[in-house]
Amino acid sequence: MRFAVSPMWEVVTSFRLQNSASVHPVHRRWVEQVRPRVQAAGLDRGWLAELIPPSGYVPDFLNPAPSGPAPTPSVELAAILAAPVGRVRQDLDHLEHHQGSRGPRLRSLYAEPRARLVRVAEEIETYWELALAPYWARIRAVLDADVFYRARQVAEHGVGHLFNDLHASVSWSDNALRVVRRQRTLSRETAGTGLLLVPSAFAGPGPHTRVSLPEPPQLAYPARGVGSLWEPRALTGTNAIAAVLGRSRTLLLTELESPASTTELAHRTGISAAGVSQHLTALRDAGLVSAHRAGRSVLYARTSVAESVLAASA
């Protein structure tokens, strides 16, 4: 058994959430920021919209088994592009069985998996840049904290305690792991090598499973701490940071509680657009800010380094 933080699990679960007709109470602030960008890019009616239905089965090839504890998006995209043709078609057959029909893009993907998977990967990259990359430092901190907590549970109390605390629908007893409403029975001999536990910021309300032999089964579960993921964070001790970075750059960092463009930051801070651009370049060179293309504009976001600096000063 091992843990892994998977970008593709976050892509799949977050796309379904932001594309839902209802608004998730925990992720409302994120959805309100991301949904307009996704719709402007046409992703709500593209490949992912056909591959990730509002509920039920999602093709397994979209969630390749993570190759390590924290693969990059590019590594997981490469695994998707390398998915065997037979596996892709089998998953699409399974999706059609659950959904009752197959859209035009999925018919094209079924006919030419190798060529069309490139289009799918391009759309995933676009979605990642619009919806997840600007927030990844914050999301990743929550996922890493969950893995640390769970690993400590195993070390102190054993695997049984971990599973019985993972989610109400997951239990361990009589040397068997049980997941409510999962009908497939697997033995250690037929379940692949080991078990992958994947914390997710967007999975919910219950866990998700992926069983695609001979790869190890995956169990993606809601991570601890997600409830406060998007809450504004009070920053009270910024004077010391301002003495080093300057007040304008410190102000920009505090304003980047949510990713924003140069124009938005200029409007909110009163700093000229040229001044904002100059300061952001310096902050980016220092590793405190990252830039992400969103259509014709660029979104700037705080990095994990910046989050740590601001947290230390609070």
Protein backbone atom coordinates (compact mmCIF):
# COMPACT_ATOMS: atom_id res chain seq x y z
CA MET A 1 0.00 0.00 0.00
CA ARG A 2 1.20 3.50 -0.83
CA PHE A 3 -0.07 7.06 -1.08
CA ALA A 4 0.09 9.25 -4.17
CA VAL A 5 -0.96 12.78 -5.06
CA SER A 6 -2.38 12.61 -8.59
CA PRO A 7 -2.99 15.69 -10.76
CA MET A 8 -5.29 13.69 -13.04
CA TRP A 9 -7.55 12.68 -10.18
CA GLU A 10 -7.92 16.40 -9.43
CA VAL A 11 -8.62 17.12 -13.11
CA VAL A 12 -11.38 14.51 -13.32
CA THR A 13 -13.08 15.24 -10.00
CA SER A 14 -12.82 19.04 -10.29
CA PHE A 15 -14.07 19.10 -13.90
CA ARG A 16 -17.14 17.13 -12.89
CA LEU A 17 -17.74 19.46 -9.95
CA GLN A 18 -17.40 22.77 -11.83
CA ASN A 19 -19.46 21.43 -14.74
CA SER A 20 -22.29 20.43 -12.42
CA ALA A 21 -25.60 22.29 -12.46
CA SER A 22 -25.46 22.64 -8.68
CA VAL A 23 -22.83 24.64 -6.80
CA HIS A 24 -20.80 22.78 -4.20
CA PRO A 25 -20.88 24.78 -0.93
CA VAL A 26 -17.23 24.12 -0.06
CA HIS A 27 -15.90 24.93 -3.53
CA ARG A 28 -18.26 27.82 -4.37
CA ARG A 29 -15.52 30.49 -4.47
CA TRP A 30 -13.33 28.35 -6.71
CA VAL A 31 -16.23 27.49 -9.05
CA GLU A 32 -17.26 31.13 -9.38
CA GLN A 33 -13.74 32.04 -10.48
CA VAL A 34 -13.06 29.04 -12.71
CA ARG A 35 -16.35 28.33 -14.47
CA PRO A 36 -16.33 31.50 -16.64
CA ARG A 37 -12.80 30.71 -17.84
CA VAL A 38 -13.71 27.11 -18.63
CA GLN A 39 -16.82 28.16 -20.54
CA ALA A 40 -14.95 30.90 -22.43
CA ALA A 41 -12.44 28.27 -23.58
CA GLY A 42 -15.27 25.97 -24.72
CA LEU A 43 -14.21 23.18 -22.38
CA ASP A 44 -17.76 22.72 -21.08
CA ARG A 45 -18.72 21.32 -24.49
CA GLY A 46 -15.49 19.64 -25.58
CA TRP A 47 -13.75 16.30 -25.15
CA LEU A 48 -13.74 16.34 -21.34
CA ALA A 49 -17.45 17.14 -21.24
CA GLU A 50 -18.15 13.89 -23.13
CA LEU A 51 -15.59 11.82 -21.25
CA ILE A 52 -16.57 12.98 -17.75
CA PRO A 53 -20.35 12.70 -17.29
CA PRO A 54 -22.17 14.44 -14.42
CA SER A 55 -22.22 11.21 -12.44
CA GLY A 56 -21.19 7.59 -12.66
CA TYR A 57 -18.35 5.93 -14.49
CA VAL A 58 -15.33 7.81 -15.85
CA PRO A 59 -13.02 6.00 -18.32
CA ASP A 60 -10.16 4.38 -16.43
CA PHE A 61 -7.52 5.51 -18.91
CA LEU A 62 -7.99 9.09 -17.60
CA ASN A 63 -6.61 8.01 -14.22
CA PRO A 64 -3.41 6.06 -14.89
CA ALA A 65 -1.75 4.58 -11.82
CA PRO A 66 0.60 7.27 -10.42
CA SER A 67 4.20 6.27 -11.07
CA GLY A 68 5.44 7.81 -7.83
CA PRO A 69 4.25 9.71 -4.76
CA ALA A 70 3.62 12.94 -6.69
CA PRO A 71 3.81 12.68 -10.50
CA THR A 72 3.67 15.89 -12.51
CA PRO A 73 0.78 16.61 -14.88
CA SER A 74 3.08 16.00 -17.85
CA VAL A 75 3.99 12.53 -16.58
CA GLU A 76 0.36 11.55 -16.19
CA LEU A 77 -0.53 13.00 -19.59
CA ALA A 78 2.21 10.87 -21.13
CA ALA A 79 0.63 7.81 -19.50
CA ILE A 80 -2.76 8.73 -20.98
CA LEU A 81 -1.25 9.14 -24.44
CA ALA A 82 0.39 5.73 -24.07
CA ALA A 83 -2.84 3.96 -23.07
CA PRO A 84 -3.32 0.76 -25.10
CA VAL A 85 -5.87 1.09 -27.88
CA GLY A 86 -7.78 -1.91 -26.56
CA ARG A 87 -8.02 -0.34 -23.11
CA VAL A 88 -9.37 2.94 -24.51
CA ARG A 89 -12.05 1.19 -26.54
CA GLN A 90 -12.98 -1.08 -23.65
CA ASP A 91 -13.42 1.94 -21.36
CA LEU A 92 -15.52 3.76 -23.97
CA ASP A 93 -17.73 0.69 -24.33
CA HIS A 94 -18.18 0.68 -20.57
CA LEU A 95 -19.00 4.39 -20.56
CA GLU A 96 -21.60 3.90 -23.31
CA HIS A 97 -23.14 1.06 -21.29
CA HIS A 98 -23.59 3.43 -18.34
CA GLN A 99 -24.63 6.53 -20.30
CA GLY A 100 -26.72 4.87 -23.02
CA SER A 101 -25.10 6.72 -25.92
CA ARG A 102 -21.79 7.93 -27.32
CA GLY A 103 -21.26 11.52 -28.48
CA PRO A 104 -19.55 12.52 -31.75
CA ARG A 105 -16.16 13.12 -30.16
CA LEU A 106 -16.21 9.78 -28.38
CA ARG A 107 -17.15 8.01 -31.62
CA SER A 108 -14.12 9.67 -33.19
CA LEU A 109 -11.93 8.68 -30.25
CA TYR A 110 -13.15 5.10 -30.52
CA ALA A 111 -12.32 4.98 -34.24
CA GLU A 112 -8.89 6.63 -33.96
CA PRO A 113 -7.64 6.41 -30.36
CA ARG A 114 -4.01 7.33 -31.09
CA ALA A 115 -4.80 10.50 -33.03
CA ARG A 116 -7.70 11.66 -30.83
CA LEU A 117 -5.94 11.09 -27.51
CA VAL A 118 -3.63 13.94 -28.52
CA ARG A 119 -6.67 16.23 -28.68
CA VAL A 120 -7.84 14.99 -25.29
CA ALA A 121 -4.41 15.66 -23.79
CA GLU A 122 -4.35 19.18 -25.24
CA GLU A 123 -7.71 19.92 -23.66
CA ILE A 124 -6.55 18.54 -20.31
CA GLU A 125 -3.51 20.83 -20.46
CA THR A 126 -5.75 23.83 -21.14
CA TYR A 127 -8.07 22.92 -18.28
CA TRP A 128 -5.13 22.46 -15.94
CA GLU A 129 -3.77 25.93 -16.71
CA LEU A 130 -7.18 27.57 -16.33
CA ALA A 131 -8.64 25.74 -13.36
CA LEU A 132 -5.94 24.08 -11.27
CA ALA A 133 -2.41 25.37 -11.87
CA PRO A 134 -3.05 28.84 -10.35
CA TYR A 135 -4.39 27.16 -7.18
CA TRP A 136 -2.06 24.17 -7.07
CA ALA A 137 0.19 25.44 -4.24
CA ARG A 138 -2.82 25.71 -1.93
CA ILE A 139 -4.38 22.41 -3.07
CA ARG A 140 -1.09 20.54 -2.85
CA ALA A 141 -0.53 21.76 0.72
CA VAL A 142 -3.85 20.22 1.77
CA LEU A 143 -3.11 16.92 0.00
CA ASP A 144 0.42 16.66 1.43
CA ALA A 145 -0.88 17.37 4.93
CA ASP A 146 -3.43 14.57 4.52
CA VAL A 147 -0.77 12.08 3.42
CA PHE A 148 1.41 13.04 6.40
CA TYR A 149 -1.51 12.56 8.78
CA ARG A 150 -2.50 9.19 7.30
CA ALA A 151 1.07 7.90 7.28
CA ARG A 152 1.37 8.78 10.95
CA GLN A 153 -1.89 6.91 11.61
CA VAL A 154 -0.44 3.77 10.03
CA ALA A 155 2.79 4.09 12.00
CA GLU A 156 1.04 4.63 15.33
CA HIS A 157 -2.13 2.54 15.06
CA GLY A 158 -1.87 0.25 12.03
CA VAL A 159 -3.59 -0.03 8.68
CA GLY A 160 -6.96 -1.03 10.12
CA HIS A 161 -7.24 2.23 12.03
CA LEU A 162 -6.35 4.17 8.88
CA PHE A 163 -9.10 2.58 6.79
CA ASN A 164 -11.75 2.89 9.50
CA ASP A 165 -10.98 6.61 9.76
CA LEU A 166 -10.74 7.24 6.00
CA HIS A 167 -14.44 7.67 5.21
CA ALA A 168 -17.77 6.42 6.57
CA SER A 169 -18.23 4.16 3.52
CA VAL A 170 -14.82 2.48 3.96
CA SER A 171 -14.12 -0.16 6.61
CA TRP A 172 -11.54 -2.79 7.52
CA SER A 173 -12.46 -5.98 9.37
CA ASP A 174 -11.70 -9.70 9.17
CA ASN A 175 -8.63 -8.96 7.05
CA ALA A 176 -10.75 -7.41 4.28
CA LEU A 177 -11.29 -3.87 3.00
CA ARG A 178 -14.94 -3.04 2.25
CA VAL A 179 -16.30 -0.06 0.34
CA VAL A 180 -20.05 0.59 0.40
CA ARG A 181 -21.82 0.36 -2.98
CA ARG A 182 -18.80 -1.20 -4.70
CA GLN A 183 -19.90 -4.56 -6.06
CA ARG A 184 -16.62 -5.97 -7.35
CA THR A 185 -14.82 -8.52 -5.19
CA LEU A 186 -11.04 -8.63 -5.44
CA SER A 187 -8.54 -10.92 -3.78
CA ARG A 188 -4.90 -10.11 -3.15
CA GLU A 189 -4.00 -12.53 -5.92
CA THR A 190 -6.17 -10.85 -8.57
CA ALA A 191 -6.12 -7.16 -7.54
CA GLY A 192 -2.77 -6.17 -8.98
CA THR A 193 0.25 -5.15 -6.95
CA GLY A 194 -0.63 -3.32 -3.76
CA LEU A 195 -3.19 -0.57 -3.22
CA LEU A 196 -2.96 3.12 -4.13
CA LEU A 197 -4.56 5.64 -1.78
CA VAL A 198 -5.10 9.02 -3.44
CA PRO A 199 -6.24 12.03 -1.38
CA SER A 200 -8.33 14.46 -3.40
CA ALA A 201 -9.50 18.01 -2.84
CA PHE A 202 -12.52 17.57 -5.12
CA ALA A 203 -13.58 13.95 -4.59
CA GLY A 204 -16.81 13.61 -2.75
CA PRO A 205 -19.08 13.13 -1.09
CA GLY A 206 -17.68 9.60 -1.05
CA PRO A 207 -14.54 7.88 -2.33
CA HIS A 208 -13.89 6.88 -5.93
CA THR A 209 -12.37 3.61 -7.05
CA ARG A 210 -10.47 2.53 -10.12
CA VAL A 211 -9.74 -1.12 -10.85
CA SER A 212 -7.95 -1.78 -14.11
CA LEU A 213 -5.83 -4.91 -13.97
CA PRO A 214 -2.93 -5.53 -13.90
CA GLU A 215 -2.40 -2.06 -12.40
CA PRO A 216 -2.96 -1.74 -8.65
CA PRO A 217 -6.47 -0.67 -7.61
CA GLN A 218 -6.85 2.99 -6.66
CA LEU A 219 -8.99 4.48 -3.92
CA ALA A 220 -9.39 8.26 -4.17
CA TYR A 221 -10.90 9.76 -1.03
CA PRO A 222 -11.80 13.28 0.23
CA ALA A 223 -8.73 14.80 1.88
CA ARG A 224 -8.84 16.28 5.37
CA GLY A 225 -8.88 20.07 5.56
CA VAL A 226 -10.77 20.65 2.31
CA GLY A 227 -13.50 22.51 4.19
CA SER A 228 -11.19 25.46 4.76
CA LEU A 229 -9.36 25.28 1.42
CA TRP A 230 -10.88 28.44 -0.07
CA GLU A 231 -11.41 30.46 3.09
CA PRO A 232 -9.61 33.84 3.05
CA ARG A 233 -6.52 33.77 5.24
CA ALA A 234 -5.91 36.61 7.63
CA LEU A 235 -2.55 38.29 7.14
CA THR A 236 -1.67 40.52 10.06
CA GLY A 237 2.12 40.58 10.25
CA THR A 238 3.14 41.83 6.83
CA ASN A 239 5.21 44.79 8.03
CA ALA A 240 8.32 42.63 8.38
CA ILE A 241 7.86 41.28 4.84
CA ALA A 242 7.26 44.80 3.51
CA ALA A 243 10.59 45.88 5.02
CA VAL A 244 12.28 43.32 2.75
CA LEU A 245 10.09 43.23 -0.37
CA GLY A 246 8.65 46.72 -0.27
CA ARG A 247 5.05 47.67 0.44
CA SER A 248 3.83 47.46 -3.16
CA ARG A 249 5.13 43.93 -3.70
CA THR A 250 3.84 42.81 -0.30
CA LEU A 251 0.44 44.30 -1.15
CA LEU A 252 0.37 42.38 -4.42
CA LEU A 253 1.18 39.13 -2.63
CA THR A 254 -1.65 39.67 -0.17
CA GLU A 255 -4.04 40.53 -3.02
CA LEU A 256 -3.15 37.23 -4.68
CA GLU A 257 -5.28 35.35 -2.17
CA SER A 258 -7.03 34.38 -5.42
CA PRO A 259 -5.26 34.31 -8.80
CA ALA A 260 -5.64 37.55 -10.72
CA SER A 261 -4.50 39.33 -13.87
CA THR A 262 -2.34 42.45 -14.05
CA THR A 263 -5.40 44.58 -14.86
CA GLU A 264 -7.36 43.21 -11.91
CA LEU A 265 -4.47 43.80 -9.52
CA ALA A 266 -3.99 47.35 -10.79
CA HIS A 267 -7.67 48.07 -10.23
CA ARG A 268 -7.69 46.60 -6.72
CA THR A 269 -4.43 48.13 -5.47
CA GLY A 270 -4.29 51.49 -7.22
CA ILE A 271 -0.82 50.68 -8.58
CA SER A 272 -0.41 51.44 -12.28
CA ALA A 273 -0.63 48.49 -14.68
CA ALA A 274 3.01 49.05 -15.66
CA GLY A 275 4.04 49.08 -12.00
CA VAL A 276 2.10 45.92 -11.27
CA SER A 277 3.75 44.19 -14.23
CA GLN A 278 7.22 45.24 -13.06
CA HIS A 279 6.63 44.08 -9.49
CA LEU A 280 5.14 40.77 -10.63
CA THR A 281 8.19 40.10 -12.79
CA ALA A 282 10.43 40.62 -9.76
CA LEU A 283 8.23 38.40 -7.58
CA ARG A 284 8.19 35.72 -10.26
CA ASP A 285 11.99 35.82 -10.59
CA ALA A 286 12.19 35.36 -6.80
CA GLY A 287 9.94 32.28 -6.93
CA LEU A 288 7.09 33.94 -5.05
CA VAL A 289 4.63 34.20 -7.95
CA SER A 290 3.75 31.92 -10.86
CA ALA A 291 2.08 32.88 -14.15
CA HIS A 292 -0.59 30.88 -15.98
CA ARG A 293 -2.06 31.56 -19.42
CA ALA A 294 -5.85 32.01 -19.36
CA GLY A 295 -7.03 32.77 -22.89
CA ARG A 296 -5.70 36.19 -23.89
CA SER A 297 -4.68 37.15 -20.36
CA VAL A 298 -2.25 35.80 -17.77
CA LEU A 299 -3.26 34.85 -14.23
CA TYR A 300 -0.74 35.30 -11.45
CA ALA A 301 -0.78 33.17 -8.32
CA ARG A 302 1.21 32.84 -5.13
CA THR A 303 3.63 29.91 -5.03
CA SER A 304 4.08 27.54 -2.10
CA VAL A 305 7.16 29.57 -1.14
CA ALA A 306 5.05 32.73 -0.89
CA GLU A 307 2.38 30.91 1.09
CA SER A 308 5.02 29.72 3.57
CA VAL A 309 6.50 33.23 3.92
CA LEU A 310 3.10 34.79 4.56
CA ALA A 311 2.07 32.03 6.97
CA ALA A 312 5.27 32.49 8.97
CA SER A 313 4.57 36.20 9.36
CA ALA A 314 0.93 35.81 10.43
